[in-house]
């Protein structure tokens, strides 16, 4: 199955690629490597998902938010490469807007990591860091950036 067929089978739709909110670009290509700017989660109607994990948002809901952020990253990757079948994920850096005593940051960012492997198979496996933050822009629950390679 192609990545697009896997998305369809899961009932997933990639959101439109974002417009930068500042003086940066959604991705930067250097050779066969693309550096994708951080993406936060948005509901299917485009509304940003916000709140502090461990207070306003459960870890389970934050996992789903990380999955949505991953869909946004795949949307940018498709724009960069033209086809998700040409993408290999190299590195993911996930930030979780969490209360100080929350310690399950990796479980939250698994939402994105699991999505990448579901859609891209072995090309979705990657190195990763998952860290907690005292706040994130616009109070988003998670922000995730990625480094990918165009095959």
Protein backbone atom coordinates (compact mmCIF):
# COMPACT_ATOMS: atom_id res chain seq x y z
CA UNK A 1 0.00 0.00 0.00
CA UNK A 2 1.22 3.50 -0.76
CA UNK A 3 1.27 6.15 1.98
CA UNK A 4 -1.75 7.84 0.36
CA UNK A 5 -3.64 4.53 0.36
CA UNK A 6 -2.76 4.03 4.04
CA UNK A 7 -4.04 7.52 4.87
CA UNK A 8 -7.30 6.78 3.05
CA UNK A 9 -7.69 3.37 4.72
CA UNK A 10 -7.34 5.07 8.12
CA UNK A 11 -9.81 7.79 7.13
CA UNK A 12 -7.13 10.46 7.52
CA UNK A 13 -6.81 13.62 5.45
CA UNK A 14 -3.73 15.80 5.37
CA UNK A 15 -4.52 19.40 6.32
CA UNK A 16 -3.58 22.24 4.01
CA UNK A 17 0.04 23.33 4.32
CA UNK A 18 0.41 26.22 6.75
CA UNK A 19 1.13 29.82 6.02
CA UNK A 20 4.03 31.05 8.18
CA UNK A 21 3.02 33.33 11.04
CA UNK A 22 6.38 35.09 10.98
CA UNK A 23 9.62 35.48 9.08
CA UNK A 24 10.26 31.80 8.35
CA UNK A 25 9.25 29.11 5.86
CA UNK A 26 7.30 25.87 6.45
CA UNK A 27 10.36 23.88 5.39
CA UNK A 28 13.92 24.36 4.22
CA UNK A 29 15.49 21.92 1.77
CA UNK A 30 19.25 21.34 1.85
CA UNK A 31 20.25 18.70 -0.67
CA UNK A 32 17.98 15.72 -0.06
CA UNK A 33 17.18 16.79 3.52
CA UNK A 34 14.13 18.83 4.54
CA UNK A 35 13.88 20.63 7.85
CA UNK A 36 10.23 21.15 8.73
CA UNK A 37 9.23 23.99 11.04
CA UNK A 38 7.34 23.17 14.22
CA UNK A 39 3.67 22.31 13.85
CA UNK A 40 0.98 22.34 16.48
CA UNK A 41 -2.27 20.39 16.48
CA UNK A 42 -5.38 21.65 14.75
CA UNK A 43 -8.84 20.14 14.75
CA UNK A 44 -10.24 19.05 11.38
CA UNK A 45 -11.97 22.45 11.08
CA UNK A 46 -8.59 24.20 11.52
CA UNK A 47 -9.02 25.35 15.12
CA UNK A 48 -5.79 25.24 17.19
CA UNK A 49 -5.90 22.78 20.10
CA UNK A 50 -4.71 24.35 23.32
CA UNK A 51 -4.19 23.69 26.99
CA UNK A 52 -1.76 22.40 29.56
CA UNK A 53 -1.23 18.63 29.49
CA UNK A 54 -1.82 17.15 32.93
CA UNK A 55 -4.27 19.91 33.88
CA UNK A 56 -6.53 20.88 30.94
CA UNK A 57 -5.76 18.00 28.60
CA UNK A 58 -5.20 14.31 29.38
CA UNK A 59 -2.17 12.41 28.12
CA UNK A 60 -4.50 10.35 25.91
CA UNK A 61 -5.95 13.49 24.30
CA UNK A 62 -2.46 14.98 23.94
CA UNK A 63 -1.38 11.77 22.13
CA UNK A 64 -4.19 12.46 19.63
CA UNK A 65 -3.01 16.09 19.36
CA UNK A 66 0.52 14.89 18.54
CA UNK A 67 -0.98 12.67 15.86
CA UNK A 68 -2.73 15.71 14.35
CA UNK A 69 0.54 17.67 14.43
CA UNK A 70 2.12 14.72 12.60
CA UNK A 71 -0.50 14.98 9.86
CA UNK A 72 0.50 18.63 9.47
CA UNK A 73 4.15 17.64 9.17
CA UNK A 74 3.29 15.04 6.52
CA UNK A 75 1.38 17.70 4.60
CA UNK A 76 4.48 19.90 4.47
CA UNK A 77 6.64 16.89 3.56
CA UNK A 78 4.33 16.05 0.65
CA UNK A 79 4.62 19.64 -0.60
CA UNK A 80 8.41 19.42 -0.37
CA UNK A 81 8.79 16.02 -2.05
CA UNK A 82 5.68 15.81 -4.23
CA UNK A 83 4.91 12.30 -2.94
CA UNK A 84 4.96 10.78 0.56
CA UNK A 85 6.43 7.59 -0.91
CA UNK A 86 9.65 9.61 -1.40
CA UNK A 87 9.93 10.55 2.31
CA UNK A 88 12.07 9.05 5.07
CA UNK A 89 11.76 10.51 8.57
CA UNK A 90 15.18 11.04 10.17
CA UNK A 91 14.53 12.95 13.42
CA UNK A 92 11.55 14.22 15.39
CA UNK A 93 11.68 16.79 18.19
CA UNK A 94 8.48 17.04 20.22
CA UNK A 95 7.59 19.64 22.82
CA UNK A 96 4.74 19.10 25.30
CA UNK A 97 3.07 22.03 27.09
CA UNK A 98 2.76 20.31 30.46
CA UNK A 99 2.38 20.92 34.17
CA UNK A 100 5.68 20.63 36.09
CA UNK A 101 5.00 17.18 37.53
CA UNK A 102 3.91 15.60 34.20
CA UNK A 103 6.46 12.97 33.12
CA UNK A 104 4.88 11.11 30.20
CA UNK A 105 6.16 13.38 27.42
CA UNK A 106 7.39 10.42 25.32
CA UNK A 107 3.94 8.79 25.48
CA UNK A 108 2.39 12.00 24.14
CA UNK A 109 4.85 12.38 21.25
CA UNK A 110 4.28 8.71 20.39
CA UNK A 111 1.11 9.99 18.70
CA UNK A 112 3.25 11.52 15.97
CA UNK A 113 5.83 8.72 15.89
CA UNK A 114 3.17 6.02 15.64
CA UNK A 115 1.46 7.90 12.81
CA UNK A 116 4.70 8.17 10.82
CA UNK A 117 5.31 4.42 11.07
CA UNK A 118 1.66 3.60 10.23
CA UNK A 119 1.79 5.73 7.09
CA UNK A 120 5.42 5.37 5.96
CA UNK A 121 6.35 1.93 7.33
CA UNK A 122 10.09 1.55 7.93
CA UNK A 123 10.65 4.98 6.32
CA UNK A 124 8.69 6.45 9.23
CA UNK A 125 11.06 5.10 11.92
CA UNK A 126 13.23 7.87 13.33
CA UNK A 127 15.44 9.19 16.10
CA UNK A 128 13.50 11.35 18.56
CA UNK A 129 13.47 13.63 21.56
CA UNK A 130 10.37 14.45 23.62
CA UNK A 131 10.57 17.24 26.17
CA UNK A 132 8.27 19.15 28.48
CA UNK A 133 7.84 22.90 28.29
CA UNK A 134 6.36 25.47 30.66
CA UNK A 135 4.47 27.01 27.74
CA UNK A 136 4.22 26.89 23.96
CA UNK A 137 3.13 29.53 21.41
CA UNK A 138 -0.59 30.31 21.54
CA UNK A 139 -0.94 27.80 24.41
CA UNK A 140 -0.83 24.84 21.98
CA UNK A 141 -0.64 21.44 23.68
CA UNK A 142 2.24 20.12 21.58
CA UNK A 143 4.63 21.42 18.96
CA UNK A 144 6.61 19.03 16.80
CA UNK A 145 9.33 19.61 14.23
CA UNK A 146 10.96 17.06 11.96
CA UNK A 147 13.95 16.39 9.77
CA UNK A 148 13.17 14.20 6.76
CA UNK A 149 15.03 12.93 3.73
CA UNK A 150 13.72 12.89 0.17
CA UNK A 151 14.57 9.52 -1.38
